[in-house]
PDB file of N, CA and C in Angstrom:
ATOM      1  N   UNK A   1      34.221  17.681  22.851  1.00  0.00           N
ATOM      2  CA  UNK A   1      33.038  16.881  23.105  1.00  0.00           C
ATOM      3  C   UNK A   1      33.296  15.474  22.592  1.00  0.00           C
ATOM      4  N   UNK A   2      33.025  14.480  23.421  1.00  0.00           N
ATOM      5  CA  UNK A   2      33.277  13.094  23.028  1.00  0.00           C
ATOM      6  C   UNK A   2      32.208  12.626  22.046  1.00  0.00           C
ATOM      7  N   UNK A   3      32.503  11.528  21.343  1.00  0.00           N
ATOM      8  CA  UNK A   3      31.565  10.971  20.372  1.00  0.00           C
ATOM      9  C   UNK A   3      30.258  10.579  21.046  1.00  0.00           C
ATOM     10  N   UNK A   4      30.329   9.929  22.211  1.00  0.00           N
ATOM     11  CA  UNK A   4      29.123   9.523  22.939  1.00  0.00           C
ATOM     12  C   UNK A   4      28.289  10.718  23.340  1.00  0.00           C
ATOM     13  N   UNK A   5      28.969  11.766  23.780  1.00  0.00           N
ATOM     14  CA  UNK A   5      28.277  12.981  24.200  1.00  0.00           C
ATOM     15  C   UNK A   5      27.642  13.685  23.001  1.00  0.00           C
ATOM     16  N   UNK A   6      28.323  13.703  21.871  1.00  0.00           N
ATOM     17  CA  UNK A   6      27.783  14.298  20.641  1.00  0.00           C
ATOM     18  C   UNK A   6      26.511  13.567  20.230  1.00  0.00           C
ATOM     19  N   UNK A   7      26.552  12.238  20.280  1.00  0.00           N
ATOM     20  CA  UNK A   7      25.367  11.450  19.913  1.00  0.00           C
ATOM     21  C   UNK A   7      24.217  11.746  20.861  1.00  0.00           C
ATOM     22  N   UNK A   8      24.497  11.727  22.159  1.00  0.00           N
ATOM     23  CA  UNK A   8      23.440  11.926  23.157  1.00  0.00           C
ATOM     24  C   UNK A   8      22.833  13.320  23.070  1.00  0.00           C
ATOM     25  N   UNK A   9      23.659  14.329  22.794  1.00  0.00           N
ATOM     26  CA  UNK A   9      23.176  15.708  22.825  1.00  0.00           C
ATOM     27  C   UNK A   9      22.644  16.228  21.499  1.00  0.00           C
ATOM     28  N   UNK A  10      23.143  15.725  20.402  1.00  0.00           N
ATOM     29  CA  UNK A  10      22.743  16.307  19.110  1.00  0.00           C
ATOM     30  C   UNK A  10      22.070  15.311  18.166  1.00  0.00           C
ATOM     31  N   UNK A  11      22.641  14.148  18.000  1.00  0.00           N
ATOM     32  CA  UNK A  11      22.139  13.191  17.013  1.00  0.00           C
ATOM     33  C   UNK A  11      20.882  12.494  17.503  1.00  0.00           C
ATOM     34  N   UNK A  12      20.891  12.003  18.737  1.00  0.00           N
ATOM     35  CA  UNK A  12      19.736  11.269  19.251  1.00  0.00           C
ATOM     36  C   UNK A  12      18.445  12.089  19.187  1.00  0.00           C
ATOM     37  N   UNK A  13      18.423  13.368  19.633  1.00  0.00           N
ATOM     38  CA  UNK A  13      17.164  14.127  19.529  1.00  0.00           C
ATOM     39  C   UNK A  13      16.670  14.277  18.087  1.00  0.00           C
ATOM     40  N   UNK A  14      17.595  14.422  17.148  1.00  0.00           N
ATOM     41  CA  UNK A  14      17.204  14.548  15.740  1.00  0.00           C
ATOM     42  C   UNK A  14      16.586  13.238  15.262  1.00  0.00           C
ATOM     43  N   UNK A  15      17.235  12.111  15.584  1.00  0.00           N
ATOM     44  CA  UNK A  15      16.698  10.808  15.187  1.00  0.00           C
ATOM     45  C   UNK A  15      15.339  10.563  15.814  1.00  0.00           C
ATOM     46  N   UNK A  16      15.191  10.900  17.082  1.00  0.00           N
ATOM     47  CA  UNK A  16      13.901  10.700  17.758  1.00  0.00           C
ATOM     48  C   UNK A  16      12.826  11.571  17.106  1.00  0.00           C
ATOM     49  N   UNK A  17      13.192  12.779  16.727  1.00  0.00           N
ATOM     50  CA  UNK A  17      12.241  13.673  16.064  1.00  0.00           C
ATOM     51  C   UNK A  17      11.797  13.145  14.715  1.00  0.00           C
ATOM     52  N   UNK A  18      12.685  12.409  14.037  1.00  0.00           N
ATOM     53  CA  UNK A  18      12.331  11.834  12.742  1.00  0.00           C
ATOM     54  C   UNK A  18      11.518  10.554  12.919  1.00  0.00           C
ATOM     55  N   UNK A  19      11.778   9.803  13.971  1.00  0.00           N
ATOM     56  CA  UNK A  19      11.112   8.519  14.171  1.00  0.00           C
ATOM     57  C   UNK A  19       9.668   8.669  14.636  1.00  0.00           C
ATOM     58  N   UNK A  20       9.380   9.683  15.426  1.00  0.00           N
ATOM     59  CA  UNK A  20       8.026   9.836  15.962  1.00  0.00           C
ATOM     60  C   UNK A  20       6.976   9.970  14.870  1.00  0.00           C
ATOM     61  N   UNK A  21       7.145  10.846  13.872  1.00  0.00           N
ATOM     62  CA  UNK A  21       6.124  10.922  12.819  1.00  0.00           C
ATOM     63  C   UNK A  21       5.954   9.612  12.059  1.00  0.00           C
ATOM     64  N   UNK A  22       7.052   8.921  11.820  1.00  0.00           N
ATOM     65  CA  UNK A  22       6.979   7.638  11.113  1.00  0.00           C
ATOM     66  C   UNK A  22       6.196   6.632  11.954  1.00  0.00           C
ATOM     67  N   UNK A  23       6.478   6.571  13.234  1.00  0.00           N
ATOM     68  CA  UNK A  23       5.764   5.641  14.121  1.00  0.00           C
ATOM     69  C   UNK A  23       4.281   5.974  14.171  1.00  0.00           C
ATOM     70  N   UNK A  24       3.951   7.242  14.264  1.00  0.00           N
ATOM     71  CA  UNK A  24       2.533   7.631  14.305  1.00  0.00           C
ATOM     72  C   UNK A  24       1.829   7.267  12.993  1.00  0.00           C
ATOM     73  N   UNK A  25       2.511   7.440  11.864  1.00  0.00           N
ATOM     74  CA  UNK A  25       1.927   7.060  10.580  1.00  0.00           C
ATOM     75  C   UNK A  25       1.658   5.566  10.544  1.00  0.00           C
ATOM     76  N   UNK A  26       2.623   4.778  11.003  1.00  0.00           N
ATOM     77  CA  UNK A  26       2.461   3.321  10.982  1.00  0.00           C
ATOM     78  C   UNK A  26       1.327   2.876  11.890  1.00  0.00           C
ATOM     79  N   UNK A  27       1.201   3.485  13.049  1.00  0.00           N
ATOM     80  CA  UNK A  27       0.112   3.133  13.963  1.00  0.00           C
ATOM     81  C   UNK A  27      -1.222   3.469  13.311  1.00  0.00           C
ATOM     82  N   UNK A  28      -1.323   4.627  12.690  1.00  0.00           N
ATOM     83  CA  UNK A  28      -2.575   5.024  12.031  1.00  0.00           C
ATOM     84  C   UNK A  28      -2.930   4.105  10.886  1.00  0.00           C
ATOM     85  N   UNK A  29      -1.935   3.671  10.137  1.00  0.00           N
ATOM     86  CA  UNK A  29      -2.184   2.789   9.007  1.00  0.00           C
ATOM     87  C   UNK A  29      -2.635   1.414   9.448  1.00  0.00           C
ATOM     88  N   UNK A  30      -2.188   0.984  10.600  1.00  0.00           N
ATOM     89  CA  UNK A  30      -2.500  -0.367  11.065  1.00  0.00           C
ATOM     90  C   UNK A  30      -3.881  -0.464  11.701  1.00  0.00           C
ATOM     91  N   UNK A  31      -4.601   0.635  11.775  1.00  0.00           N
ATOM     92  CA  UNK A  31      -5.876   0.620  12.466  1.00  0.00           C
ATOM     93  C   UNK A  31      -7.054   0.285  11.559  1.00  0.00           C
ATOM     94  N   UNK A  32      -6.817  -0.134  10.357  1.00  0.00           N
ATOM     95  CA  UNK A  32      -7.906  -0.567   9.500  1.00  0.00           C
ATOM     96  C   UNK A  32      -8.520  -1.820  10.086  1.00  0.00           C
ATOM     97  N   UNK A  33      -9.825  -1.889  10.040  1.00  0.00           N
ATOM     98  CA  UNK A  33     -10.495  -3.041  10.639  1.00  0.00           C
ATOM     99  C   UNK A  33     -10.507  -4.224   9.687  1.00  0.00           C
ATOM    100  N   UNK A  34     -10.818  -5.379  10.257  1.00  0.00           N
ATOM    101  CA  UNK A  34     -10.957  -6.589   9.445  1.00  0.00           C
ATOM    102  C   UNK A  34     -12.085  -6.414   8.439  1.00  0.00           C
ATOM    103  N   UNK A  35     -13.096  -5.605   8.789  1.00  0.00           N
ATOM    104  CA  UNK A  35     -14.195  -5.333   7.852  1.00  0.00           C
ATOM    105  C   UNK A  35     -13.690  -4.633   6.602  1.00  0.00           C
ATOM    106  N   UNK A  36     -12.753  -3.691   6.762  1.00  0.00           N
ATOM    107  CA  UNK A  36     -12.185  -2.982   5.615  1.00  0.00           C
ATOM    108  C   UNK A  36     -11.459  -3.958   4.698  1.00  0.00           C
ATOM    109  N   UNK A  37     -10.702  -4.862   5.304  1.00  0.00           N
ATOM    110  CA  UNK A  37      -9.953  -5.851   4.535  1.00  0.00           C
ATOM    111  C   UNK A  37     -10.916  -6.777   3.796  1.00  0.00           C
ATOM    112  N   UNK A  38     -11.951  -7.249   4.471  1.00  0.00           N
ATOM    113  CA  UNK A  38     -12.913  -8.151   3.832  1.00  0.00           C
ATOM    114  C   UNK A  38     -13.719  -7.441   2.750  1.00  0.00           C
ATOM    115  N   UNK A  39     -14.056  -6.180   2.978  1.00  0.00           N
ATOM    116  CA  UNK A  39     -14.750  -5.400   1.945  1.00  0.00           C
ATOM    117  C   UNK A  39     -13.842  -5.233   0.731  1.00  0.00           C
ATOM    118  N   UNK A  40     -12.557  -5.025   0.979  1.00  0.00           N
ATOM    119  CA  UNK A  40     -11.598  -4.930  -0.118  1.00  0.00           C
ATOM    120  C   UNK A  40     -11.492  -6.233  -0.887  1.00  0.00           C
ATOM    121  N   UNK A  41     -11.507  -7.344  -0.179  1.00  0.00           N
ATOM    122  CA  UNK A  41     -11.462  -8.657  -0.841  1.00  0.00           C
ATOM    123  C   UNK A  41     -12.688  -8.834  -1.737  1.00  0.00           C
ATOM    124  N   UNK A  42     -13.856  -8.478  -1.213  1.00  0.00           N
ATOM    125  CA  UNK A  42     -15.083  -8.615  -2.024  1.00  0.00           C
ATOM    126  C   UNK A  42     -15.030  -7.722  -3.262  1.00  0.00           C
ATOM    127  N   UNK A  43     -14.529  -6.512  -3.103  1.00  0.00           N
ATOM    128  CA  UNK A  43     -14.424  -5.587  -4.237  1.00  0.00           C
ATOM    129  C   UNK A  43     -13.403  -6.112  -5.250  1.00  0.00           C
ATOM    130  N   UNK A  44     -12.301  -6.677  -4.769  1.00  0.00           N
ATOM    131  CA  UNK A  44     -11.276  -7.224  -5.669  1.00  0.00           C
ATOM    132  C   UNK A  44     -11.848  -8.363  -6.504  1.00  0.00           C
ATOM    133  N   UNK A  45     -12.738  -9.153  -5.907  1.00  0.00           N
ATOM    134  CA  UNK A  45     -13.353 -10.262  -6.639  1.00  0.00           C
ATOM    135  C   UNK A  45     -14.187  -9.757  -7.811  1.00  0.00           C
ATOM    136  N   UNK A  46     -14.712  -8.551  -7.685  1.00  0.00           N
ATOM    137  CA  UNK A  46     -15.555  -7.976  -8.737  1.00  0.00           C
ATOM    138  C   UNK A  46     -14.734  -7.134  -9.715  1.00  0.00           C
ATOM    139  N   UNK A  47     -13.854  -6.301  -9.182  1.00  0.00           N
ATOM    140  CA  UNK A  47     -13.210  -5.287 -10.028  1.00  0.00           C
ATOM    141  C   UNK A  47     -11.779  -5.602 -10.446  1.00  0.00           C
ATOM    142  N   UNK A  48     -11.097  -6.509  -9.751  1.00  0.00           N
ATOM    143  CA  UNK A  48      -9.650  -6.624  -9.965  1.00  0.00           C
ATOM    144  C   UNK A  48      -9.144  -8.003 -10.377  1.00  0.00           C
ATOM    145  N   UNK A  49      -9.900  -9.043 -10.034  1.00  0.00           N
ATOM    146  CA  UNK A  49      -9.341 -10.388 -10.154  1.00  0.00           C
ATOM    147  C   UNK A  49      -9.013 -10.816 -11.577  1.00  0.00           C
ATOM    148  N   UNK A  50      -9.680 -10.281 -12.554  1.00  0.00           N
ATOM    149  CA  UNK A  50      -9.403 -10.701 -13.926  1.00  0.00           C
ATOM    150  C   UNK A  50      -7.942 -10.473 -14.288  1.00  0.00           C
ATOM    151  N   UNK A  51      -7.399  -9.332 -13.900  1.00  0.00           N
ATOM    152  CA  UNK A  51      -6.009  -9.022 -14.243  1.00  0.00           C
ATOM    153  C   UNK A  51      -5.043  -9.225 -13.080  1.00  0.00           C
ATOM    154  N   UNK A  52      -5.431  -8.778 -11.878  1.00  0.00           N
ATOM    155  CA  UNK A  52      -4.526  -8.800 -10.734  1.00  0.00           C
ATOM    156  C   UNK A  52      -4.735 -10.011  -9.830  1.00  0.00           C
ATOM    157  N   UNK A  53      -5.782 -10.778 -10.070  1.00  0.00           N
ATOM    158  CA  UNK A  53      -6.084 -11.910  -9.210  1.00  0.00           C
ATOM    159  C   UNK A  53      -6.603 -11.456  -7.860  1.00  0.00           C
ATOM    160  N   UNK A  54      -7.477 -12.225  -7.241  1.00  0.00           N
ATOM    161  CA  UNK A  54      -7.992 -11.835  -5.922  1.00  0.00           C
ATOM    162  C   UNK A  54      -6.883 -11.909  -4.890  1.00  0.00           C
ATOM    163  N   UNK A  55      -5.895 -12.748  -5.146  1.00  0.00           N
ATOM    164  CA  UNK A  55      -4.786 -12.867  -4.208  1.00  0.00           C
ATOM    165  C   UNK A  55      -3.667 -11.878  -4.527  1.00  0.00           C
ATOM    166  N   UNK A  56      -3.882 -11.025  -5.512  1.00  0.00           N
ATOM    167  CA  UNK A  56      -2.900 -10.005  -5.846  1.00  0.00           C
ATOM    168  C   UNK A  56      -1.764 -10.470  -6.724  1.00  0.00           C
ATOM    169  N   UNK A  57      -1.844 -11.702  -7.209  1.00  0.00           N
ATOM    170  CA  UNK A  57      -0.822 -12.211  -8.124  1.00  0.00           C
ATOM    171  C   UNK A  57      -1.380 -12.091  -9.536  1.00  0.00           C
ATOM    172  N   UNK A  58      -0.723 -11.275 -10.337  1.00  0.00           N
ATOM    173  CA  UNK A  58      -1.216 -10.962 -11.679  1.00  0.00           C
ATOM    174  C   UNK A  58      -1.392 -12.217 -12.516  1.00  0.00           C
ATOM    175  N   UNK A  59      -2.440 -12.203 -13.321  1.00  0.00           N
ATOM    176  CA  UNK A  59      -2.750 -13.334 -14.183  1.00  0.00           C
ATOM    177  C   UNK A  59      -2.381 -13.062 -15.634  1.00  0.00           C
ATOM    178  N   UNK A  60      -1.895 -11.857 -15.916  1.00  0.00           N
ATOM    179  CA  UNK A  60      -1.571 -11.468 -17.285  1.00  0.00           C
ATOM    180  C   UNK A  60      -0.193 -10.799 -17.324  1.00  0.00           C
ATOM    181  N   UNK A  61       0.459 -10.925 -18.462  1.00  0.00           N
ATOM    182  CA  UNK A  61       1.749 -10.256 -18.641  1.00  0.00           C
ATOM    183  C   UNK A  61       1.554  -8.738 -18.585  1.00  0.00           C
ATOM    184  N   UNK A  62       2.545  -8.030 -18.103  1.00  0.00           N
ATOM    185  CA  UNK A  62       2.554  -6.571 -18.034  1.00  0.00           C
ATOM    186  C   UNK A  62       1.536  -6.011 -17.033  1.00  0.00           C
ATOM    187  N   UNK A  63       1.066  -6.847 -16.116  1.00  0.00           N
ATOM    188  CA  UNK A  63       0.150  -6.411 -15.058  1.00  0.00           C
ATOM    189  C   UNK A  63       0.878  -6.616 -13.734  1.00  0.00           C
ATOM    190  N   UNK A  64       0.915  -5.590 -12.893  1.00  0.00           N
ATOM    191  CA  UNK A  64       1.674  -5.734 -11.648  1.00  0.00           C
ATOM    192  C   UNK A  64       0.982  -6.614 -10.607  1.00  0.00           C
ATOM    193  N   UNK A  65       1.787  -7.275  -9.795  1.00  0.00           N
ATOM    194  CA  UNK A  65       1.278  -7.973  -8.624  1.00  0.00           C
ATOM    195  C   UNK A  65       0.946  -6.922  -7.573  1.00  0.00           C
ATOM    196  N   UNK A  66      -0.133  -7.122  -6.856  1.00  0.00           N
ATOM    197  CA  UNK A  66      -0.551  -6.161  -5.841  1.00  0.00           C
ATOM    198  C   UNK A  66      -0.425  -6.687  -4.421  1.00  0.00           C
ATOM    199  N   UNK A  67      -0.292  -7.993  -4.253  1.00  0.00           N
ATOM    200  CA  UNK A  67      -0.200  -8.538  -2.901  1.00  0.00           C
ATOM    201  C   UNK A  67       1.029  -7.981  -2.196  1.00  0.00           C
ATOM    202  N   UNK A  68       0.808  -7.579  -0.936  1.00  0.00           N
ATOM    203  CA  UNK A  68       1.884  -7.020  -0.142  1.00  0.00           C
ATOM    204  C   UNK A  68       2.237  -5.579  -0.469  1.00  0.00           C
ATOM    205  N   UNK A  69       1.537  -4.966  -1.414  1.00  0.00           N
ATOM    206  CA  UNK A  69       1.819  -3.579  -1.783  1.00  0.00           C
ATOM    207  C   UNK A  69       1.402  -2.662  -0.627  1.00  0.00           C
ATOM    208  N   UNK A  70       2.151  -1.628  -0.372  1.00  0.00           N
ATOM    209  CA  UNK A  70       1.829  -0.679   0.702  1.00  0.00           C
ATOM    210  C   UNK A  70       0.488  -0.010   0.436  1.00  0.00           C
ATOM    211  N   UNK A  71      -0.300   0.125   1.486  1.00  0.00           N
ATOM    212  CA  UNK A  71      -1.618   0.743   1.357  1.00  0.00           C
ATOM    213  C   UNK A  71      -1.541   2.135   0.758  1.00  0.00           C
ATOM    214  N   UNK A  72      -0.639   2.958   1.283  1.00  0.00           N
ATOM    215  CA  UNK A  72      -0.571   4.338   0.817  1.00  0.00           C
ATOM    216  C   UNK A  72      -0.233   4.418  -0.664  1.00  0.00           C
ATOM    217  N   UNK A  73       0.633   3.545  -1.146  1.00  0.00           N
ATOM    218  CA  UNK A  73       0.984   3.540  -2.567  1.00  0.00           C
ATOM    219  C   UNK A  73      -0.229   3.165  -3.425  1.00  0.00           C
ATOM    220  N   UNK A  74      -0.941   2.124  -3.020  1.00  0.00           N
ATOM    221  CA  UNK A  74      -2.118   1.688  -3.785  1.00  0.00           C
ATOM    222  C   UNK A  74      -3.173   2.779  -3.818  1.00  0.00           C
ATOM    223  N   UNK A  75      -3.398   3.426  -2.691  1.00  0.00           N
ATOM    224  CA  UNK A  75      -4.375   4.518  -2.636  1.00  0.00           C
ATOM    225  C   UNK A  75      -3.972   5.636  -3.589  1.00  0.00           C
ATOM    226  N   UNK A  76      -2.723   6.048  -3.544  1.00  0.00           N
ATOM    227  CA  UNK A  76      -2.250   7.136  -4.411  1.00  0.00           C
ATOM    228  C   UNK A  76      -2.429   6.775  -5.882  1.00  0.00           C
ATOM    229  N   UNK A  77      -2.094   5.543  -6.257  1.00  0.00           N
ATOM    230  CA  UNK A  77      -2.196   5.139  -7.655  1.00  0.00           C
ATOM    231  C   UNK A  77      -3.647   5.077  -8.118  1.00  0.00           C
ATOM    232  N   UNK A  78      -4.523   4.489  -7.297  1.00  0.00           N
ATOM    233  CA  UNK A  78      -5.934   4.400  -7.704  1.00  0.00           C
ATOM    234  C   UNK A  78      -6.568   5.787  -7.791  1.00  0.00           C
ATOM    235  N   UNK A  79      -6.221   6.665  -6.873  1.00  0.00           N
ATOM    236  CA  UNK A  79      -6.746   8.035  -6.949  1.00  0.00           C
ATOM    237  C   UNK A  79      -6.219   8.750  -8.190  1.00  0.00           C
ATOM    238  N   UNK A  80      -4.979   8.483  -8.562  1.00  0.00           N
ATOM    239  CA  UNK A  80      -4.411   9.106  -9.767  1.00  0.00           C
ATOM    240  C   UNK A  80      -5.116   8.602 -11.024  1.00  0.00           C
ATOM    241  N   UNK A  81      -5.420   7.314 -11.083  1.00  0.00           N
ATOM    242  CA  UNK A  81      -6.191   6.791 -12.224  1.00  0.00           C
ATOM    243  C   UNK A  81      -7.578   7.420 -12.258  1.00  0.00           C
ATOM    244  N   UNK A  82      -8.214   7.505 -11.107  1.00  0.00           N
ATOM    245  CA  UNK A  82      -9.581   8.049 -11.047  1.00  0.00           C
ATOM    246  C   UNK A  82      -9.610   9.517 -11.451  1.00  0.00           C
ATOM    247  N   UNK A  83      -8.604  10.293 -11.055  1.00  0.00           N
ATOM    248  CA  UNK A  83      -8.586  11.726 -11.369  1.00  0.00           C
ATOM    249  C   UNK A  83      -8.106  12.020 -12.785  1.00  0.00           C
ATOM    250  N   UNK A  84      -7.466  11.041 -13.425  1.00  0.00           N
ATOM    251  CA  UNK A  84      -6.916  11.261 -14.758  1.00  0.00           C
ATOM    252  C   UNK A  84      -5.453  11.673 -14.746  1.00  0.00           C
ATOM    253  N   UNK A  85      -4.854  11.843 -13.554  1.00  0.00           N
ATOM    254  CA  UNK A  85      -3.438  12.190 -13.479  1.00  0.00           C
ATOM    255  C   UNK A  85      -2.569  11.057 -14.002  1.00  0.00           C
ATOM    256  N   UNK A  86      -3.056   9.848 -13.863  1.00  0.00           N
ATOM    257  CA  UNK A  86      -2.377   8.680 -14.414  1.00  0.00           C
ATOM    258  C   UNK A  86      -3.340   8.029 -15.393  1.00  0.00           C
ATOM    259  N   UNK A  87      -2.839   7.613 -16.528  1.00  0.00           N
ATOM    260  CA  UNK A  87      -3.685   7.083 -17.589  1.00  0.00           C
ATOM    261  C   UNK A  87      -3.353   5.636 -17.916  1.00  0.00           C
ATOM    262  N   UNK A  88      -4.388   4.847 -18.077  1.00  0.00           N
ATOM    263  CA  UNK A  88      -4.261   3.479 -18.568  1.00  0.00           C
ATOM    264  C   UNK A  88      -5.615   3.124 -19.153  1.00  0.00           C
ATOM    265  N   UNK A  89      -5.622   2.491 -20.290  1.00  0.00           N
ATOM    266  CA  UNK A  89      -6.880   2.238 -20.999  1.00  0.00           C
ATOM    267  C   UNK A  89      -7.922   1.525 -20.134  1.00  0.00           C
ATOM    268  N   UNK A  90      -7.519   0.575 -19.320  1.00  0.00           N
ATOM    269  CA  UNK A  90      -8.492  -0.145 -18.489  1.00  0.00           C
ATOM    270  C   UNK A  90      -8.583   0.423 -17.078  1.00  0.00           C
ATOM    271  N   UNK A  91      -7.443   0.711 -16.455  1.00  0.00           N
ATOM    272  CA  UNK A  91      -7.458   1.173 -15.065  1.00  0.00           C
ATOM    273  C   UNK A  91      -8.160   2.516 -14.905  1.00  0.00           C
ATOM    274  N   UNK A  92      -8.040   3.389 -15.871  1.00  0.00           N
ATOM    275  CA  UNK A  92      -8.706   4.688 -15.777  1.00  0.00           C
ATOM    276  C   UNK A  92     -10.215   4.514 -15.730  1.00  0.00           C
ATOM    277  N   UNK A  93     -10.728   3.580 -16.476  1.00  0.00           N
ATOM    278  CA  UNK A  93     -12.176   3.312 -16.490  1.00  0.00           C
ATOM    279  C   UNK A  93     -12.609   2.642 -15.183  1.00  0.00           C
ATOM    280  N   UNK A  94     -11.861   1.630 -14.765  1.00  0.00           N
ATOM    281  CA  UNK A  94     -12.210   0.904 -13.540  1.00  0.00           C
ATOM    282  C   UNK A  94     -12.178   1.835 -12.337  1.00  0.00           C
ATOM    283  N   UNK A  95     -11.159   2.664 -12.241  1.00  0.00           N
ATOM    284  CA  UNK A  95     -11.006   3.551 -11.085  1.00  0.00           C
ATOM    285  C   UNK A  95     -12.141   4.569 -10.989  1.00  0.00           C
ATOM    286  N   UNK A  96     -12.728   4.930 -12.126  1.00  0.00           N
ATOM    287  CA  UNK A  96     -13.849   5.877 -12.105  1.00  0.00           C
ATOM    288  C   UNK A  96     -15.021   5.356 -11.264  1.00  0.00           C
ATOM    289  N   UNK A  97     -15.178   4.046 -11.207  1.00  0.00           N
ATOM    290  CA  UNK A  97     -16.307   3.472 -10.484  1.00  0.00           C
ATOM    291  C   UNK A  97     -16.011   3.249  -8.999  1.00  0.00           C
ATOM    292  N   UNK A  98     -14.794   3.547  -8.545  1.00  0.00           N
ATOM    293  CA  UNK A  98     -14.418   3.292  -7.159  1.00  0.00           C
ATOM    294  C   UNK A  98     -14.647   4.521  -6.281  1.00  0.00           C
ATOM    295  N   UNK A  99     -15.290   4.297  -5.141  1.00  0.00           N
ATOM    296  CA  UNK A  99     -15.453   5.369  -4.159  1.00  0.00           C
ATOM    297  C   UNK A  99     -14.165   5.490  -3.354  1.00  0.00           C
ATOM    298  N   UNK A 100     -14.053   6.547  -2.559  1.00  0.00           N
ATOM    299  CA  UNK A 100     -12.897   6.687  -1.678  1.00  0.00           C
ATOM    300  C   UNK A 100     -12.787   5.479  -0.751  1.00  0.00           C
ATOM    301  N   UNK A 101     -13.930   5.023  -0.221  1.00  0.00           N
ATOM    302  CA  UNK A 101     -13.919   3.871   0.681  1.00  0.00           C
ATOM    303  C   UNK A 101     -13.507   2.606  -0.062  1.00  0.00           C
ATOM    304  N   UNK A 102     -13.981   2.427  -1.296  1.00  0.00           N
ATOM    305  CA  UNK A 102     -13.566   1.268  -2.097  1.00  0.00           C
ATOM    306  C   UNK A 102     -12.042   1.247  -2.244  1.00  0.00           C
ATOM    307  N   UNK A 103     -11.466   2.393  -2.538  1.00  0.00           N
ATOM    308  CA  UNK A 103     -10.027   2.495  -2.731  1.00  0.00           C
ATOM    309  C   UNK A 103      -9.290   2.131  -1.442  1.00  0.00           C
ATOM    310  N   UNK A 104      -9.751   2.663  -0.317  1.00  0.00           N
ATOM    311  CA  UNK A 104      -9.108   2.329   0.956  1.00  0.00           C
ATOM    312  C   UNK A 104      -9.247   0.840   1.264  1.00  0.00           C
ATOM    313  N   UNK A 105     -10.414   0.280   0.986  1.00  0.00           N
ATOM    314  CA  UNK A 105     -10.635  -1.145   1.255  1.00  0.00           C
ATOM    315  C   UNK A 105      -9.755  -2.025   0.372  1.00  0.00           C
ATOM    316  N   UNK A 106      -9.674  -1.689  -0.903  1.00  0.00           N
ATOM    317  CA  UNK A 106      -8.809  -2.461  -1.808  1.00  0.00           C
ATOM    318  C   UNK A 106      -7.355  -2.382  -1.364  1.00  0.00           C
ATOM    319  N   UNK A 107      -6.930  -1.193  -0.993  1.00  0.00           N
ATOM    320  CA  UNK A 107      -5.552  -1.027  -0.528  1.00  0.00           C
ATOM    321  C   UNK A 107      -5.306  -1.846   0.738  1.00  0.00           C
ATOM    322  N   UNK A 108      -6.282  -1.862   1.636  1.00  0.00           N
ATOM    323  CA  UNK A 108      -6.151  -2.653   2.868  1.00  0.00           C
ATOM    324  C   UNK A 108      -6.084  -4.142   2.544  1.00  0.00           C
ATOM    325  N   UNK A 109      -6.918  -4.583   1.604  1.00  0.00           N
ATOM    326  CA  UNK A 109      -6.927  -6.008   1.237  1.00  0.00           C
ATOM    327  C   UNK A 109      -5.580  -6.439   0.665  1.00  0.00           C
ATOM    328  N   UNK A 110      -5.116  -5.737  -0.348  1.00  0.00           N
ATOM    329  CA  UNK A 110      -3.875  -6.160  -0.982  1.00  0.00           C
ATOM    330  C   UNK A 110      -2.677  -6.020  -0.035  1.00  0.00           C
ATOM    331  N   UNK A 111      -2.687  -5.006   0.833  1.00  0.00           N
ATOM    332  CA  UNK A 111      -1.594  -4.857   1.806  1.00  0.00           C
ATOM    333  C   UNK A 111      -1.605  -5.972   2.848  1.00  0.00           C
ATOM    334  N   UNK A 112      -2.771  -6.555   3.087  1.00  0.00           N
ATOM    335  CA  UNK A 112      -2.873  -7.597   4.118  1.00  0.00           C
ATOM    336  C   UNK A 112      -2.384  -8.965   3.638  1.00  0.00           C
ATOM    337  N   UNK A 113      -2.146  -9.107   2.348  1.00  0.00           N
ATOM    338  CA  UNK A 113      -1.707 -10.399   1.803  1.00  0.00           C
ATOM    339  C   UNK A 113      -0.190 -10.485   1.964  1.00  0.00           C
ATOM    340  N   UNK A 114       0.285 -11.424   2.779  1.00  0.00           N
ATOM    341  CA  UNK A 114       1.728 -11.518   2.985  1.00  0.00           C
ATOM    342  C   UNK A 114       2.448 -12.037   1.744  1.00  0.00           C
ATOM    343  N   UNK A 115       3.623 -11.524   1.542  1.00  0.00           N
ATOM    344  CA  UNK A 115       4.481 -12.006   0.456  1.00  0.00           C
ATOM    345  C   UNK A 115       5.794 -12.466   1.074  1.00  0.00           C
ATOM    346  N   UNK A 116       6.501 -13.306   0.375  1.00  0.00           N
ATOM    347  CA  UNK A 116       7.834 -13.685   0.830  1.00  0.00           C
ATOM    348  C   UNK A 116       8.779 -13.564  -0.356  1.00  0.00           C
ATOM    349  N   UNK A 117       9.984 -13.248  -0.020  1.00  0.00           N
ATOM    350  CA  UNK A 117      11.016 -13.055  -1.045  1.00  0.00           C
ATOM    351  C   UNK A 117      12.145 -14.037  -0.752  1.00  0.00           C
ATOM    352  N   UNK A 118      12.582 -14.716  -1.779  1.00  0.00           N
ATOM    353  CA  UNK A 118      13.723 -15.603  -1.650  1.00  0.00           C
ATOM    354  C   UNK A 118      14.818 -15.081  -2.563  1.00  0.00           C
ATOM    355  N   UNK A 119      15.902 -14.690  -1.960  1.00  0.00           N
ATOM    356  CA  UNK A 119      17.033 -14.176  -2.729  1.00  0.00           C
ATOM    357  C   UNK A 119      17.819 -15.374  -3.251  1.00  0.00           C
ATOM    358  N   UNK A 120      18.090 -15.415  -4.548  1.00  0.00           N
ATOM    359  CA  UNK A 120      18.838 -16.536  -5.100  1.00  0.00           C
ATOM    360  C   UNK A 120      20.234 -16.621  -4.496  1.00  0.00           C
ATOM    361  N   UNK A 121      20.696 -17.822  -4.306  1.00  0.00           N
ATOM    362  CA  UNK A 121      22.060 -17.986  -3.792  1.00  0.00           C
ATOM    363  C   UNK A 121      23.047 -17.712  -4.915  1.00  0.00           C
ATOM    364  N   UNK A 122      24.210 -17.326  -4.526  1.00  0.00           N
ATOM    365  CA  UNK A 122      25.224 -16.968  -5.534  1.00  0.00           C
ATOM    366  C   UNK A 122      25.896 -18.181  -6.097  1.00  0.00           C
TER     367      UNK A 122
END
């Protein structure tokens, strides 16, 4: 069996099978409305800006930047703080006051803020 034939018959179907779920996840994640993003911005102004800034750029040492963070990661972390699976003296308290919708909105807001990375030249 030639290399091209091996790819066409065995590798390509496996790759396509792996890509479809990823594509469907990305499409589902991108369907948040502008209202969700704006609601997240409003919530960030109340609950997050002191430490993380409304623009997601941390204002204090040892506080992570949130701008450009993946929605799913932010949701998982906030739910972990709220449930007690993850502990932090301030975040555990703040997360207790967040509804599921608040968490999704905050995640949508911070994910919607574009970031850029500049790699230093050698």
